[in-house]
Amino acid sequence: MRWVYGDGPAGDESLIAAVRSATEGFPAGAPYVWLAGEAGTVRALRRHLVEERAVDRRAIHFAGYWRRLTQDDAPTAEDLAEARERLAMRAG
């Protein structure tokens, strides 16, 4: 376990960098991953695990509990893609 502390966007970048650089203790085989936090950070970590660590996307449960946007901001293409993927996962 490694404690990574930061505040705001800089903290999110610190967390992403820590996960990307972690080589010790990363489980072999088929791990299950649970991610929760700021939506953009969770999305970046999930992409890293799927694309660079070859973790099966079905073995990752993720939840973006908050976003660094105002409620007036329209959803981005990434937001819509994530929502479609979540719906597809629920459908089977």
C-alpha atoms as a PDB file:
ATOM      1  CA  MET A   1       0.000   0.000   0.000  1.00  0.00           C
ATOM      2  CA  ARG A   2       1.221   3.462  -0.820  1.00  0.00           C
ATOM      3  CA  TRP A   3      -0.307   6.679   0.505  1.00  0.00           C
ATOM      4  CA  VAL A   4      -0.555   9.402  -2.143  1.00  0.00           C
ATOM      5  CA  TYR A   5      -1.759  12.765  -0.952  1.00  0.00           C
ATOM      6  CA  GLY A   6      -2.642  15.820  -2.943  1.00  0.00           C
ATOM      7  CA  ASP A   7      -5.259  18.493  -3.166  1.00  0.00           C
ATOM      8  CA  GLY A   8      -7.243  19.335  -6.264  1.00  0.00           C
ATOM      9  CA  PRO A   9      -6.040  18.631  -9.795  1.00  0.00           C
ATOM     10  CA  ALA A  10      -2.396  18.411  -8.685  1.00  0.00           C
ATOM     11  CA  GLY A  11      -3.352  15.634  -6.267  1.00  0.00           C
ATOM     12  CA  ASP A  12      -5.165  13.789  -9.031  1.00  0.00           C
ATOM     13  CA  GLU A  13      -2.077  14.001 -11.238  1.00  0.00           C
ATOM     14  CA  SER A  14       0.046  12.693  -8.356  1.00  0.00           C
ATOM     15  CA  LEU A  15      -2.253   9.699  -7.954  1.00  0.00           C
ATOM     16  CA  ILE A  16      -2.257   8.905 -11.677  1.00  0.00           C
ATOM     17  CA  ALA A  17       1.557   9.178 -11.789  1.00  0.00           C
ATOM     18  CA  ALA A  18       1.906   6.915  -8.739  1.00  0.00           C
ATOM     19  CA  VAL A  19      -0.267   4.199 -10.287  1.00  0.00           C
ATOM     20  CA  ARG A  20       1.500   4.463 -13.645  1.00  0.00           C
ATOM     21  CA  SER A  21       4.920   4.105 -12.018  1.00  0.00           C
ATOM     22  CA  ALA A  22       3.948   1.297  -9.636  1.00  0.00           C
ATOM     23  CA  THR A  23       5.643  -1.936 -10.569  1.00  0.00           C
ATOM     24  CA  GLU A  24       6.189  -3.527  -7.174  1.00  0.00           C
ATOM     25  CA  GLY A  25       3.217  -5.297  -5.720  1.00  0.00           C
ATOM     26  CA  PHE A  26       1.061  -5.103  -8.835  1.00  0.00           C
ATOM     27  CA  PRO A  27      -0.866  -8.385  -8.788  1.00  0.00           C
ATOM     28  CA  ALA A  28      -0.103 -11.022 -11.382  1.00  0.00           C
ATOM     29  CA  GLY A  29      -2.891 -12.893 -13.083  1.00  0.00           C
ATOM     30  CA  ALA A  30      -6.385 -11.483 -13.334  1.00  0.00           C
ATOM     31  CA  PRO A  31      -6.885  -8.799 -10.670  1.00  0.00           C
ATOM     32  CA  TYR A  32     -10.188  -7.186  -9.723  1.00  0.00           C
ATOM     33  CA  VAL A  33     -10.012  -3.402  -9.447  1.00  0.00           C
ATOM     34  CA  TRP A  34     -12.329  -1.009  -7.634  1.00  0.00           C
ATOM     35  CA  LEU A  35     -11.888   2.688  -8.449  1.00  0.00           C
ATOM     36  CA  ALA A  36     -13.830   5.640  -7.078  1.00  0.00           C
ATOM     37  CA  GLY A  37     -13.150   9.343  -7.007  1.00  0.00           C
ATOM     38  CA  GLU A  38     -13.143  12.356  -9.277  1.00  0.00           C
ATOM     39  CA  ALA A  39     -14.539  11.265 -12.652  1.00  0.00           C
ATOM     40  CA  GLY A  40     -11.598  12.354 -14.807  1.00  0.00           C
ATOM     41  CA  THR A  41      -9.064  10.725 -12.508  1.00  0.00           C
ATOM     42  CA  VAL A  42     -11.032   7.478 -12.340  1.00  0.00           C
ATOM     43  CA  ARG A  43     -11.346   7.493 -16.142  1.00  0.00           C
ATOM     44  CA  ALA A  44      -7.576   8.029 -16.577  1.00  0.00           C
ATOM     45  CA  LEU A  45      -6.725   5.252 -14.114  1.00  0.00           C
ATOM     46  CA  ARG A  46      -9.158   2.839 -15.751  1.00  0.00           C
ATOM     47  CA  ARG A  47      -7.718   3.545 -19.194  1.00  0.00           C
ATOM     48  CA  HIS A  48      -4.206   2.991 -17.900  1.00  0.00           C
ATOM     49  CA  LEU A  49      -5.145  -0.342 -16.313  1.00  0.00           C
ATOM     50  CA  VAL A  50      -6.962  -1.585 -19.423  1.00  0.00           C
ATOM     51  CA  GLU A  51      -4.633  -0.263 -22.114  1.00  0.00           C
ATOM     52  CA  GLU A  52      -1.216  -0.448 -20.447  1.00  0.00           C
ATOM     53  CA  ARG A  53      -1.624  -3.128 -17.770  1.00  0.00           C
ATOM     54  CA  ALA A  54      -3.953  -5.392 -19.789  1.00  0.00           C
ATOM     55  CA  VAL A  55      -6.522  -5.661 -16.991  1.00  0.00           C
ATOM     56  CA  ASP A  56      -9.814  -7.009 -18.344  1.00  0.00           C
ATOM     57  CA  ARG A  57     -12.222  -4.055 -18.421  1.00  0.00           C
ATOM     58  CA  ARG A  58     -14.956  -6.307 -17.007  1.00  0.00           C
ATOM     59  CA  ALA A  59     -12.806  -6.795 -13.898  1.00  0.00           C
ATOM     60  CA  ILE A  60     -12.812  -3.087 -13.086  1.00  0.00           C
ATOM     61  CA  HIS A  61     -15.657  -1.516 -11.130  1.00  0.00           C
ATOM     62  CA  PHE A  62     -15.436   2.245 -11.342  1.00  0.00           C
ATOM     63  CA  ALA A  63     -17.432   5.195 -10.094  1.00  0.00           C
ATOM     64  CA  GLY A  64     -16.808   8.861 -10.725  1.00  0.00           C
ATOM     65  CA  TYR A  65     -18.403  10.383  -7.652  1.00  0.00           C
ATOM     66  CA  TRP A  66     -17.755  13.997  -8.615  1.00  0.00           C
ATOM     67  CA  ARG A  67     -16.478  16.098 -11.495  1.00  0.00           C
ATOM     68  CA  ARG A  68     -14.474  19.285 -11.706  1.00  0.00           C
ATOM     69  CA  LEU A  69     -17.113  21.030 -13.791  1.00  0.00           C
ATOM     70  CA  THR A  70     -20.042  23.278 -13.125  1.00  0.00           C
ATOM     71  CA  GLN A  71     -23.553  21.950 -13.560  1.00  0.00           C
ATOM     72  CA  ASP A  72     -23.909  24.228 -16.586  1.00  0.00           C
ATOM     73  CA  ASP A  73     -21.232  22.341 -18.531  1.00  0.00           C
ATOM     74  CA  ALA A  74     -22.508  20.021 -21.231  1.00  0.00           C
ATOM     75  CA  PRO A  75     -21.309  16.403 -21.140  1.00  0.00           C
ATOM     76  CA  THR A  76     -18.164  15.757 -23.141  1.00  0.00           C
ATOM     77  CA  ALA A  77     -17.753  13.039 -25.757  1.00  0.00           C
ATOM     78  CA  GLU A  78     -15.783  11.072 -23.126  1.00  0.00           C
ATOM     79  CA  ASP A  79     -18.673  11.405 -20.652  1.00  0.00           C
ATOM     80  CA  LEU A  80     -21.124  10.074 -23.225  1.00  0.00           C
ATOM     81  CA  ALA A  81     -18.800   7.203 -24.183  1.00  0.00           C
ATOM     82  CA  GLU A  82     -18.439   6.257 -20.512  1.00  0.00           C
ATOM     83  CA  ALA A  83     -22.209   6.305 -20.021  1.00  0.00           C
ATOM     84  CA  ARG A  84     -22.715   4.081 -23.100  1.00  0.00           C
ATOM     85  CA  GLU A  85     -20.091   1.649 -21.814  1.00  0.00           C
ATOM     86  CA  ARG A  86     -21.738   1.459 -18.397  1.00  0.00           C
ATOM     87  CA  LEU A  87     -25.100   0.727 -20.009  1.00  0.00           C
ATOM     88  CA  ALA A  88     -23.548  -1.969 -22.198  1.00  0.00           C
ATOM     89  CA  MET A  89     -21.911  -3.578 -19.152  1.00  0.00           C
ATOM     90  CA  ARG A  90     -25.227  -3.669 -17.311  1.00  0.00           C
ATOM     91  CA  ALA A  91     -26.977  -5.188 -20.313  1.00  0.00           C
ATOM     92  CA  GLY A  92     -24.594  -8.109 -20.246  1.00  0.00           C
END
